[in-house]
Each structure stands twice: as C-alpha cells, then as structure tokens.
C-alpha cells in the first residue's frame, strides 16, 4: 500500500516508547527526528515535514496524556491527528449530475482512473459516461473503450478524430442522458505548452463542475511543480492518487495536495476497474499506523457478498449459522474474499492484523497465503457436488482422484480438508448463540482461541507461517 515504508517506520519509532508512562524531552526529540527521516524518505516536501514535526513535538511536550494512557498511545494519537490534518478532508463529490475533468501527465493513470471512477459512480446508483479526448497517445481510445466495457459503463470516443475539443463537445451531446460525465484528457511526458493550451480549451468547452489532477504515487518531488501549473491553468479541486499497490513512496502526491490547496478524491489500489477507493482521511491514516479501517473493510465486504450472492442466488451467508458448513460454503467464502481485493490490502483494514503484525511477516507472506487459497480453489473445482456438500466422504481414493484432476499436491488437498474442519468447528460454536455469548466468543477468537477463517489459513493450526 502507499507509504508502506513510512507506516512501518512510524510504527517502529512509536514502539520504542513501549512500557513508558511519561515522555522526556530526549524521548520526544528522538521520536521527532525519526518521523522527519520517515517523511523525507517518503518524498514528503521538506517544508511540510518541518511543519508537521514541529506540531507533533509541541503537542507531545505540552499536552498531558489522559489518565491511564501510555506514552506510546498518547504520541500515537497526536501523530494520527496531525497526519489526518496534513492530508486534509476528502474532496467533495456529491452523488448527483456533474461533469468531471481529469488532468495529468502521460503515464499517470488517467484513462484507467476514468473507468474506475465511472464504475464507482455506477455502484452508487448513477449513470456515468467516460469521454476519451486523447488524440496524442496511440492506443488511448482502445484502452479507454476496453476499460469501460469491463466497468460496464457508457463510453464515447472518436478513433479517427484529430480535434480533442470537438471530440469533447460531441461526446457531451452523444452521452447527454448520463448523470456523470468523466472527461479524460491527453497527457505528455512533461508539462509542455501545447498540453496546457489543449486542456484549457477542453476545460472551456465542457465547463466541468470539478477538475481532478491524477498523480502516480511514485512521482516524488516533481509533483509540486506539476500541481502548481495545472492549478494555474484549470484550477484543481481534488487529486486522484494512482498505483498505490506498488512500492511507491507517495509523499510527493501528498505534497501536491497541499500545493493546490485541494484534497484527495480517490485512491487507485490495483489494476482492475474495481480497485478504487473513495479517500477517507481518518481510515487512510489509521491503516498507515496499523490501526485498521473498519469502514472501508465493511464496504468491501458488503460489495463482495452482494456480488457473490448475485452470481448464485441460492447461496445466503446467513445460512452458515443455521445448517452444516460445507466445502461449497467455504468455496463461496473464498470467492467473496477474492472480490474484496488483494489480501494485504484487506489485512491492513483489520485492526490488530494489519500494521505491526504485517511488519513481522516475511515479505512474501501475503503471496504465499494468496497462492495457497488459489490452490484450495483449484482442488475444490475438481470435486463433485456430493463431495463439496459432504466432505466426510472424501477418503484416500477420492483424494487421489482430486489430485489427478487438479494437478495439486496431495498434501494441499489434505490441508484443505483440515482447514474446512477447523472452520466448521469454529462456526458451529456460533450456532444458537445469544448476543452476550457471541461477544464472548469474538473476544476468544481475537485472543487466538479459534482456528477458522482467514486466521486459520495464516497461522492458526497448519498455516504457512506457523
């Protein structure tokens, strides 16, 4: 995720305060130096770093921690609040008819972001349309058309057109019935005069309600000048930060937000049209500091469960608490998890599992777990309906047949059956429970008393890291 190294460094710095009830000036000075190093390494602008670190130092020395609060938690709260203040509020995007203009350099991810944003608006009940005006980059029309087809949203472009302004004008007329128009513009490798002139002409023609600057998370210090020029040309109301699924530092994008006196609208977190998040400052910083993001997690769970339910109407997750837990149920659970996005992103959203815990796992831990789940799915695809409904009938001869049909190792098939048993035992303990019993069981699971679900796959019982 964006700023992963920054988050890890900040968490490591705060962990040095473990066990302390009060802070000395030396403690605060050392913490502030580490925070400065972390932010500068993440390409955050020097002036912003000094402003942020001064605020943290002043508050850490002057504010008294509430009774019963450890020094670490007190500083964590201060760092959290100051970072939230740094990234600012989320860009206002009302769920109503509007025109959005996207600007940015070539390679920043504008075309992909246009389709992703259209998909996001469509999931909110609006009818979006993407208008592709890029006549400069070969393949821009085809890429935009394909992405919009995947997003199942309306698209307009002219592969033979040479005048971007005319394409924009025609596009608005052709998609007049759409609620939200997203106009994608051409980029260049640098802020050339012809790019600025072209985007200014398009801006005048489409008269957007808001213009968003699309920035690659890895842009670094170059973001400052880029943001300033686009702000002077068309005015920037928000920033879309893309490619947050890589090893990007991300600080340059935060600098750009400050430079344009705007805010962040969306985060692009992967390659598919579904890999987009509406920016929420509190959740973003919470994840950065290893505190999870339950709001974003809840949204992903609801969306994934709805999509899984749509594909197979006779499957209802609530039925798990009433009948037997079968391999078919487990298969649907895993499909739902896959729809939630990359496993490391989901883990970051779970309080207590992201952040510090992730720092302690091997670098390839998430890939290993994701591959293991994929092997489980392949094995289940080679099972009969009878086996999926009643795993207890799977003996040695059936295991050998599944191995031949799937190409998966016998050990993996047996691990799948064992994982199912653990999840079945866990779920059976929830059946027939009242609210009070359920709360006690959840506490037990949080303390490591259970072995099912994702926790089991990652370390409970025979997990790949345990």
Protein backbone atom coordinates (compact mmCIF):
# COMPACT_ATOMS: atom_id res chain seq x y z
CA UNK A 1 0.00 0.00 0.00
CA UNK A 2 1.07 3.64 -0.43
CA UNK A 3 3.58 4.86 2.15
CA UNK A 4 4.10 1.30 3.44
CA UNK A 5 7.71 2.09 4.39
CA UNK A 6 6.58 5.27 6.13
CA UNK A 7 3.94 3.38 8.12
CA UNK A 8 6.41 0.67 9.12
CA UNK A 9 9.00 3.26 10.16
CA UNK A 10 6.50 5.29 12.20
CA UNK A 11 5.23 2.17 13.95
CA UNK A 12 8.78 1.10 14.75
CA UNK A 13 9.55 4.53 16.19
CA UNK A 14 6.46 4.51 18.40
CA UNK A 15 7.25 1.01 19.63
CA UNK A 16 10.39 2.38 21.31
CA UNK A 17 8.02 4.02 23.82
CA UNK A 18 6.53 0.66 24.83
CA UNK A 19 6.21 0.41 28.61
CA UNK A 20 6.82 4.10 29.32
CA UNK A 21 4.20 6.10 31.20
CA UNK A 22 5.75 9.53 30.66
CA UNK A 23 7.85 11.20 27.96
CA UNK A 24 11.16 13.01 28.49
CA UNK A 25 12.39 15.78 26.18
CA UNK A 26 15.01 13.35 24.85
CA UNK A 27 12.27 10.83 24.01
CA UNK A 28 10.30 13.45 22.10
CA UNK A 29 13.38 14.75 20.28
CA UNK A 30 14.34 11.24 19.14
CA UNK A 31 10.80 10.45 18.01
CA UNK A 32 10.53 13.69 16.02
CA UNK A 33 13.87 13.02 14.30
CA UNK A 34 12.69 9.55 13.28
CA UNK A 35 9.39 10.94 11.99
CA UNK A 36 11.29 13.54 9.96
CA UNK A 37 13.52 10.85 8.47
CA UNK A 38 10.49 8.70 7.65
CA UNK A 39 8.60 11.52 5.95
CA UNK A 40 11.61 12.76 3.96
CA UNK A 41 12.32 9.20 2.79
CA UNK A 42 8.71 9.04 1.58
CA UNK A 43 9.30 12.16 -0.57
CA UNK A 44 7.15 14.49 1.50
CA UNK A 45 8.19 18.12 0.90
CA UNK A 46 10.71 19.47 3.43
CA UNK A 47 8.56 22.44 4.46
CA UNK A 48 5.63 20.12 5.17
CA UNK A 49 7.88 17.79 7.16
CA UNK A 50 9.10 20.61 9.37
CA UNK A 51 5.58 21.94 9.87
CA UNK A 52 4.27 18.50 10.84
CA UNK A 53 7.18 17.53 13.10
CA UNK A 54 7.08 20.90 14.92
CA UNK A 55 3.39 20.41 15.64
CA UNK A 56 3.96 16.87 16.93
CA UNK A 57 6.88 17.97 19.13
CA UNK A 58 4.96 20.90 20.63
CA UNK A 59 1.91 18.81 21.46
CA UNK A 60 3.92 15.86 22.82
CA UNK A 61 5.77 18.16 25.24
CA UNK A 62 2.88 20.40 26.26
CA UNK A 63 -0.18 18.12 26.35
CA UNK A 64 -0.78 15.94 29.38
CA UNK A 65 -1.79 12.38 28.45
CA UNK A 66 -5.22 11.36 29.81
CA UNK A 67 -5.18 9.19 32.92
CA UNK A 68 -4.33 5.58 32.19
CA UNK A 69 -2.93 6.38 28.74
CA UNK A 70 0.56 5.12 27.95
CA UNK A 71 3.19 7.41 26.44
CA UNK A 72 3.07 5.40 23.22
CA UNK A 73 -0.69 5.69 22.85
CA UNK A 74 -0.56 9.40 23.64
CA UNK A 75 2.03 10.08 20.92
CA UNK A 76 0.21 7.73 18.53
CA UNK A 77 -2.94 9.82 18.97
CA UNK A 78 -1.01 13.05 18.30
CA UNK A 79 0.71 11.63 15.20
CA UNK A 80 -2.63 10.30 13.94
CA UNK A 81 -4.40 13.66 14.38
CA UNK A 82 -1.57 15.66 12.79
CA UNK A 83 -1.30 13.32 9.79
CA UNK A 84 -5.08 13.46 9.27
CA UNK A 85 -4.81 17.25 9.35
CA UNK A 86 -1.94 17.11 6.83
CA UNK A 87 -3.86 15.08 4.22
CA UNK A 88 -6.99 17.17 4.78
CA UNK A 89 -10.60 16.36 4.07
CA UNK A 90 -11.81 14.19 1.23
CA UNK A 91 -12.76 16.01 -1.99
CA UNK A 92 -16.47 16.77 -2.06
CA UNK A 93 -18.14 14.58 -4.68
CA UNK A 94 -21.93 14.80 -4.40
CA UNK A 95 -23.91 11.88 -5.79
CA UNK A 96 -25.67 13.98 -8.39
CA UNK A 97 -25.34 15.06 -12.03
CA UNK A 98 -21.91 16.57 -12.72
CA UNK A 99 -19.02 16.83 -15.16
CA UNK A 100 -15.51 15.90 -14.04
CA UNK A 101 -12.36 16.77 -15.99
CA UNK A 102 -9.23 14.62 -15.46
CA UNK A 103 -5.77 16.13 -15.96
CA UNK A 104 -2.26 14.75 -15.55
CA UNK A 105 0.93 13.73 -17.31
CA UNK A 106 1.19 10.72 -19.61
CA UNK A 107 1.50 7.52 -17.62
CA UNK A 108 -0.16 8.93 -14.51
CA UNK A 109 -3.14 6.59 -14.88
CA UNK A 110 -5.83 8.99 -16.13
CA UNK A 111 -7.50 6.59 -18.55
CA UNK A 112 -7.67 3.76 -16.04
CA UNK A 113 -8.87 6.17 -13.34
CA UNK A 114 -11.66 7.46 -15.58
CA UNK A 115 -13.11 3.95 -15.97
CA UNK A 116 -12.62 3.17 -12.27
CA UNK A 117 -14.40 6.36 -11.21
CA UNK A 118 -17.24 5.63 -13.64
CA UNK A 119 -17.57 2.14 -12.12
CA UNK A 120 -17.63 3.68 -8.62
CA UNK A 121 -20.40 6.12 -9.55
CA UNK A 122 -22.38 3.31 -11.20
CA UNK A 123 -22.28 1.35 -7.93
CA UNK A 124 -23.74 4.41 -6.21
CA UNK A 125 -26.80 4.28 -8.48
CA UNK A 126 -25.80 6.93 -11.03
CA UNK A 127 -25.35 6.53 -14.78
CA UNK A 128 -21.81 7.60 -15.72
CA UNK A 129 -20.18 8.10 -19.13
CA UNK A 130 -16.48 8.37 -19.99
CA UNK A 131 -15.46 10.70 -22.83
CA UNK A 132 -11.99 9.98 -24.23
CA UNK A 133 -10.38 13.06 -25.83
CA UNK A 134 -6.76 11.86 -26.04
CA UNK A 135 -5.69 12.02 -29.71
CA UNK A 136 -1.99 12.16 -28.83
CA UNK A 137 -1.23 8.74 -27.32
CA UNK A 138 -1.52 5.70 -29.64
CA UNK A 139 -3.91 3.18 -28.16
CA UNK A 140 -5.62 5.62 -25.80
CA UNK A 141 -9.01 5.11 -27.48
CA UNK A 142 -8.76 1.29 -27.42
CA UNK A 143 -7.60 1.22 -23.80
CA UNK A 144 -10.40 3.51 -22.65
CA UNK A 145 -13.03 1.55 -24.58
CA UNK A 146 -11.87 -1.78 -23.15
CA UNK A 147 -11.72 -0.46 -19.58
CA UNK A 148 -15.22 0.99 -19.87
CA UNK A 149 -16.54 -2.30 -21.23
CA UNK A 150 -15.10 -4.06 -18.18
CA UNK A 151 -16.68 -1.44 -15.93
CA UNK A 152 -19.96 -1.81 -17.86
CA UNK A 153 -20.32 1.96 -18.28
CA UNK A 154 -21.09 4.18 -21.27
CA UNK A 155 -18.15 5.32 -23.40
CA UNK A 156 -17.59 7.87 -26.16
CA UNK A 157 -14.51 8.45 -28.29
CA UNK A 158 -13.53 9.01 -31.89
CA UNK A 159 -10.58 6.85 -33.02
CA UNK A 160 -10.26 8.92 -36.22
CA UNK A 161 -10.77 12.33 -34.64
CA UNK A 162 -7.94 14.85 -34.54
CA UNK A 163 -9.53 17.70 -32.58
CA UNK A 164 -9.81 16.89 -28.83
CA UNK A 165 -12.10 19.88 -28.22
CA UNK A 166 -14.55 18.73 -30.90
CA UNK A 167 -14.47 15.17 -29.50
CA UNK A 168 -15.32 16.55 -26.06
CA UNK A 169 -18.19 18.59 -27.49
CA UNK A 170 -19.55 15.64 -29.48
CA UNK A 171 -19.12 13.35 -26.51
CA UNK A 172 -21.26 15.50 -24.23
CA UNK A 173 -24.01 15.51 -26.85
CA UNK A 174 -23.82 11.76 -27.52
CA UNK A 175 -23.98 10.91 -23.81
CA UNK A 176 -26.49 13.58 -22.82
CA UNK A 177 -28.58 11.06 -20.85
CA UNK A 178 -25.71 10.24 -18.48
CA UNK A 179 -25.73 11.61 -14.92
CA UNK A 180 -21.96 11.90 -14.54
CA UNK A 181 -19.60 12.83 -17.39
CA UNK A 182 -15.93 11.99 -16.86
CA UNK A 183 -13.72 13.66 -19.48
CA UNK A 184 -10.30 12.07 -19.93
CA UNK A 185 -7.67 14.35 -21.47
CA UNK A 186 -4.31 13.78 -23.16
CA UNK A 187 -1.06 13.78 -21.22
CA UNK A 188 2.53 14.36 -22.23
CA UNK A 189 5.84 13.31 -20.75
CA UNK A 190 6.27 16.83 -19.43
CA UNK A 191 4.21 19.96 -18.90
CA UNK A 192 4.55 21.29 -22.44
CA UNK A 193 2.80 24.45 -23.61
CA UNK A 194 0.62 22.57 -26.12
CA UNK A 195 -0.69 20.26 -23.36
CA UNK A 196 -1.65 23.23 -21.23
CA UNK A 197 -3.30 25.02 -24.17
CA UNK A 198 -5.24 21.88 -25.16
CA UNK A 199 -6.56 21.16 -21.68
CA UNK A 200 -7.54 24.80 -21.18
CA UNK A 201 -9.58 24.66 -24.42
CA UNK A 202 -11.29 21.43 -23.34
CA UNK A 203 -11.99 22.91 -19.92
CA UNK A 204 -13.66 25.92 -21.52
CA UNK A 205 -15.81 23.65 -23.73
CA UNK A 206 -17.02 21.12 -21.13
CA UNK A 207 -17.26 23.62 -18.24
CA UNK A 208 -16.59 20.95 -15.58
CA UNK A 209 -18.06 21.10 -12.10
CA UNK A 210 -14.68 19.99 -10.80
CA UNK A 211 -11.24 19.23 -12.22
CA UNK A 212 -9.18 16.42 -10.70
CA UNK A 213 -5.41 16.02 -11.04
CA UNK A 214 -4.31 12.39 -11.48
CA UNK A 215 -0.90 11.62 -9.95
CA UNK A 216 1.21 8.48 -9.92
CA UNK A 217 2.06 7.72 -6.28
CA UNK A 218 5.73 7.38 -7.26
CA UNK A 219 6.02 10.88 -8.74
CA UNK A 220 8.15 12.23 -5.90
CA UNK A 221 9.19 15.87 -5.67
CA UNK A 222 8.12 16.55 -9.28
CA UNK A 223 4.52 16.61 -8.07
CA UNK A 224 4.92 20.11 -6.65
CA UNK A 225 5.64 21.87 -9.96
CA UNK A 226 3.13 19.73 -11.85
CA UNK A 227 0.37 20.55 -9.39
CA UNK A 228 1.18 24.26 -9.47
CA UNK A 229 0.96 24.52 -13.28
CA UNK A 230 -2.30 22.58 -13.56
CA UNK A 231 -3.75 24.66 -10.74
CA UNK A 232 -2.87 27.88 -12.57
CA UNK A 233 -4.32 26.60 -15.86
CA UNK A 234 -7.64 24.98 -14.97
CA UNK A 235 -7.89 25.03 -11.18
CA UNK A 236 -7.67 21.76 -9.26
CA UNK A 237 -10.45 20.76 -6.84
CA UNK A 238 -9.08 17.33 -5.99
CA UNK A 239 -6.34 14.77 -6.56
CA UNK A 240 -6.58 11.12 -7.61
CA UNK A 241 -3.55 9.13 -6.41
CA UNK A 242 -2.89 6.06 -8.54
CA UNK A 243 -0.76 2.90 -8.38
CA UNK A 244 -0.88 2.55 -4.62
CA UNK A 245 -0.50 -1.22 -4.96
CA UNK A 246 3.20 -0.92 -5.75
CA UNK A 247 6.17 0.14 -3.63
CA UNK A 248 5.51 3.82 -4.23
CA UNK A 249 6.64 6.30 -1.61
CA UNK A 250 3.61 8.51 -2.08
CA UNK A 251 4.85 11.61 -0.28
CA UNK A 252 5.01 13.62 -3.49
CA UNK A 253 1.30 13.16 -4.03
CA UNK A 254 0.59 14.45 -0.52
CA UNK A 255 2.78 17.46 -1.33
CA UNK A 256 0.72 18.12 -4.47
CA UNK A 257 -2.48 18.17 -2.46
CA UNK A 258 -1.01 20.82 -0.19
CA UNK A 259 0.39 22.80 -3.13
CA UNK A 260 -3.00 23.10 -4.84
CA UNK A 261 -4.80 23.74 -1.55
CA UNK A 262 -7.15 20.94 -2.59
CA UNK A 263 -7.85 17.46 -1.26
CA UNK A 264 -7.73 13.79 -2.24
CA UNK A 265 -10.74 12.36 -4.07
CA UNK A 266 -9.85 8.75 -4.89
CA UNK A 267 -7.11 6.19 -4.34
CA UNK A 268 -6.27 3.71 -7.10
CA UNK A 269 -5.17 0.46 -5.46
CA UNK A 270 -4.80 -2.06 -8.30
CA UNK A 271 -5.24 -2.80 -11.99
CA UNK A 272 -8.91 -3.82 -12.26
CA UNK A 273 -11.79 -1.35 -12.53
CA UNK A 274 -12.93 -2.33 -9.02
CA UNK A 275 -9.59 -1.34 -7.47
CA UNK A 276 -10.57 2.15 -6.39
CA UNK A 277 -11.39 3.68 -3.02
CA UNK A 278 -13.08 6.92 -2.10
CA UNK A 279 -10.48 8.68 0.02
CA UNK A 280 -11.30 8.84 3.72
CA UNK A 281 -8.53 10.63 5.67
CA UNK A 282 -9.18 9.01 9.05
CA UNK A 283 -9.24 5.49 7.61
CA UNK A 284 -6.21 6.13 5.41
CA UNK A 285 -4.03 7.31 8.29
CA UNK A 286 -5.46 4.66 10.60
CA UNK A 287 -4.27 1.96 8.19
CA UNK A 288 -0.91 3.68 7.84
CA UNK A 289 -0.38 3.46 11.60
CA UNK A 290 -1.57 -0.14 11.85
CA UNK A 291 -4.93 0.68 13.46
CA UNK A 292 -7.14 -0.78 10.69
CA UNK A 293 -10.01 0.76 8.73
CA UNK A 294 -13.32 -0.86 9.59
CA UNK A 295 -15.40 1.47 7.41
CA UNK A 296 -13.54 0.59 4.20
CA UNK A 297 -13.45 -3.08 5.23
CA UNK A 298 -17.22 -3.06 5.76
CA UNK A 299 -17.80 -1.51 2.32
CA UNK A 300 -15.65 -4.12 0.62
CA UNK A 301 -17.32 -6.99 2.49
CA UNK A 302 -20.83 -5.76 1.60
CA UNK A 303 -19.91 -5.28 -2.06
CA UNK A 304 -18.18 -8.67 -2.32
CA UNK A 305 -21.03 -10.53 -0.62
CA UNK A 306 -23.58 -8.82 -2.85
CA UNK A 307 -21.65 -9.81 -5.98
CA UNK A 308 -21.24 -13.39 -4.76
CA UNK A 309 -24.94 -13.59 -3.93
CA UNK A 310 -25.88 -12.19 -7.34
CA UNK A 311 -23.90 -14.92 -9.08
CA UNK A 312 -25.57 -17.70 -7.11
CA UNK A 313 -28.93 -16.66 -5.74
CA UNK A 314 -29.50 -19.84 -3.73
CA UNK A 315 -26.46 -19.14 -1.51
CA UNK A 316 -27.01 -16.99 1.56
CA UNK A 317 -24.10 -16.38 4.01
CA UNK A 318 -26.53 -16.21 6.94
CA UNK A 319 -27.44 -19.84 6.32
CA UNK A 320 -23.99 -20.75 7.69
CA UNK A 321 -25.25 -20.21 11.22
CA UNK A 322 -28.24 -22.48 10.72
CA UNK A 323 -27.07 -25.61 8.89
CA UNK A 324 -23.90 -27.58 8.19
CA UNK A 325 -20.81 -25.77 6.96
CA UNK A 326 -19.81 -27.46 3.70
CA UNK A 327 -16.89 -27.13 1.33
CA UNK A 328 -19.30 -25.35 -1.00
CA UNK A 329 -19.81 -22.72 1.72
CA UNK A 330 -16.06 -22.45 2.15
CA UNK A 331 -15.70 -22.07 -1.61
CA UNK A 332 -18.17 -19.17 -1.58
CA UNK A 333 -16.37 -17.55 1.36
CA UNK A 334 -13.12 -17.63 -0.58
CA UNK A 335 -14.80 -16.21 -3.70
CA UNK A 336 -16.12 -13.37 -1.57
CA UNK A 337 -12.65 -12.71 -0.14
CA UNK A 338 -11.16 -12.61 -3.64
CA UNK A 339 -13.69 -9.95 -4.60
CA UNK A 340 -12.55 -7.81 -1.66
CA UNK A 341 -9.19 -7.21 -3.31
CA UNK A 342 -5.56 -8.18 -2.63
CA UNK A 343 -5.09 -9.92 0.71
CA UNK A 344 -2.50 -7.46 2.03
CA UNK A 345 -4.95 -4.57 1.49
CA UNK A 346 -7.71 -6.43 3.33
CA UNK A 347 -5.34 -7.28 6.19
CA UNK A 348 -4.39 -3.62 6.55
CA UNK A 349 -8.05 -2.81 7.21
CA UNK A 350 -8.43 -5.27 10.10
CA UNK A 351 -7.48 -3.75 13.49
CA UNK A 352 -4.79 -5.87 15.11
CA UNK A 353 -3.91 -7.76 11.91
CA UNK A 354 -2.50 -5.00 9.72
CA UNK A 355 0.36 -2.68 10.57
CA UNK A 356 2.61 -4.12 13.24
CA UNK A 357 1.65 -7.74 12.61
CA UNK A 358 2.28 -7.35 8.89
CA UNK A 359 5.72 -5.89 9.65
CA UNK A 360 6.67 -9.14 11.40
CA UNK A 361 5.69 -11.42 8.50
CA UNK A 362 8.07 -12.44 5.70
CA UNK A 363 7.96 -10.19 2.62
CA UNK A 364 6.26 -12.91 0.58
CA UNK A 365 3.78 -13.89 3.31
CA UNK A 366 0.70 -12.50 1.57
CA UNK A 367 1.72 -14.03 -1.76
CA UNK A 368 2.17 -17.42 -0.11
CA UNK A 369 -1.27 -17.22 1.52
CA UNK A 370 -2.91 -15.99 -1.70
CA UNK A 371 -1.32 -18.85 -3.66
CA UNK A 372 -2.45 -21.35 -1.03
CA UNK A 373 -6.04 -20.13 -1.29
CA UNK A 374 -5.81 -20.36 -5.08
CA UNK A 375 -4.63 -24.00 -4.80
CA UNK A 376 -7.59 -24.71 -2.49
CA UNK A 377 -9.96 -23.28 -5.11
CA UNK A 378 -8.41 -25.42 -7.88
CA UNK A 379 -8.77 -28.53 -5.70
CA UNK A 380 -12.43 -27.76 -4.97
CA UNK A 381 -13.09 -27.24 -8.68
CA UNK A 382 -12.08 -30.89 -9.17
CA UNK A 383 -14.55 -32.17 -6.58
CA UNK A 384 -18.05 -33.44 -7.26
CA UNK A 385 -21.13 -31.67 -5.89
CA UNK A 386 -21.57 -34.59 -3.50
CA UNK A 387 -18.04 -34.11 -2.13
CA UNK A 388 -18.49 -30.38 -1.76
CA UNK A 389 -21.74 -30.90 0.15
CA UNK A 390 -20.40 -33.73 2.32
CA UNK A 391 -16.58 -33.57 2.71
CA UNK A 392 -16.59 -36.52 5.13
CA UNK A 393 -16.98 -38.96 2.24
CA UNK A 394 -13.60 -37.92 0.81
CA UNK A 395 -11.31 -40.86 1.53
CA UNK A 396 -7.93 -41.85 0.09
CA UNK A 397 -9.25 -42.97 -3.33
CA UNK A 398 -11.21 -39.72 -3.76
CA UNK A 399 -8.19 -37.65 -2.66
CA UNK A 400 -6.07 -39.40 -5.32
CA UNK A 401 -8.71 -38.67 -7.96
CA UNK A 402 -8.86 -34.98 -6.94
CA UNK A 403 -5.06 -34.78 -7.12
CA UNK A 404 -5.07 -36.25 -10.64
CA UNK A 405 -7.86 -33.95 -11.78
CA UNK A 406 -6.47 -30.73 -10.29
CA UNK A 407 -2.71 -31.18 -10.50
CA UNK A 408 -2.49 -30.09 -6.86
CA UNK A 409 -0.26 -31.89 -4.34
CA UNK A 410 -1.98 -34.48 -2.12
CA UNK A 411 -0.70 -32.62 0.96
CA UNK A 412 -2.53 -29.47 -0.18
CA UNK A 413 -5.82 -31.36 -0.62
CA UNK A 414 -5.48 -32.77 2.90
CA UNK A 415 -4.67 -29.28 4.24
CA UNK A 416 -7.86 -28.04 2.59
CA UNK A 417 -9.92 -30.75 4.31
CA UNK A 418 -8.27 -29.98 7.65
CA UNK A 419 -8.87 -26.25 7.19
CA UNK A 420 -12.54 -26.98 6.49
CA UNK A 421 -12.82 -28.98 9.71
CA UNK A 422 -11.35 -26.10 11.74
CA UNK A 423 -13.71 -23.57 10.16
CA UNK A 424 -16.64 -25.95 10.69
CA UNK A 425 -15.80 -26.28 14.39
CA UNK A 426 -15.50 -22.51 14.78
CA UNK A 427 -18.80 -21.77 13.05
CA UNK A 428 -20.63 -24.49 15.00
CA UNK A 429 -19.75 -22.64 18.21
CA UNK A 430 -21.69 -19.60 16.97
CA UNK A 431 -24.87 -21.51 16.17
CA UNK A 432 -27.69 -20.86 18.62
CA UNK A 433 -25.78 -18.16 20.49
CA UNK A 434 -27.31 -15.05 22.01
CA UNK A 435 -25.69 -11.62 21.73
CA UNK A 436 -23.78 -11.98 25.00
CA UNK A 437 -22.42 -15.38 24.06
CA UNK A 438 -21.44 -14.04 20.65
CA UNK A 439 -19.43 -11.18 22.17
CA UNK A 440 -17.56 -13.57 24.46
CA UNK A 441 -16.79 -15.84 21.52
CA UNK A 442 -15.48 -12.91 19.47
CA UNK A 443 -13.13 -11.99 22.32
CA UNK A 444 -11.94 -15.57 22.44
CA UNK A 445 -11.22 -15.55 18.71
CA UNK A 446 -9.35 -12.22 18.98
CA UNK A 447 -7.16 -13.76 21.68
CA UNK A 448 -6.31 -16.72 19.48
CA UNK A 449 -8.86 -19.18 20.78
CA UNK A 450 -10.26 -20.05 17.34
CA UNK A 451 -8.71 -21.68 14.32
CA UNK A 452 -11.08 -21.00 11.48
CA UNK A 453 -11.37 -18.39 8.79
CA UNK A 454 -8.50 -16.31 7.49
CA UNK A 455 -6.71 -16.50 10.83
CA UNK A 456 -6.51 -20.27 10.46
CA UNK A 457 -5.14 -20.01 6.95
CA UNK A 458 -2.47 -17.53 8.07
CA UNK A 459 -1.17 -19.16 11.19
CA UNK A 460 -3.78 -20.96 13.25
CA UNK A 461 -3.13 -24.68 13.08
CA UNK A 462 -1.26 -25.51 9.87
CA UNK A 463 -0.89 -22.04 8.38
CA UNK A 464 2.10 -21.39 6.12
CA UNK A 465 3.71 -19.03 8.66
CA UNK A 466 3.08 -21.15 11.76
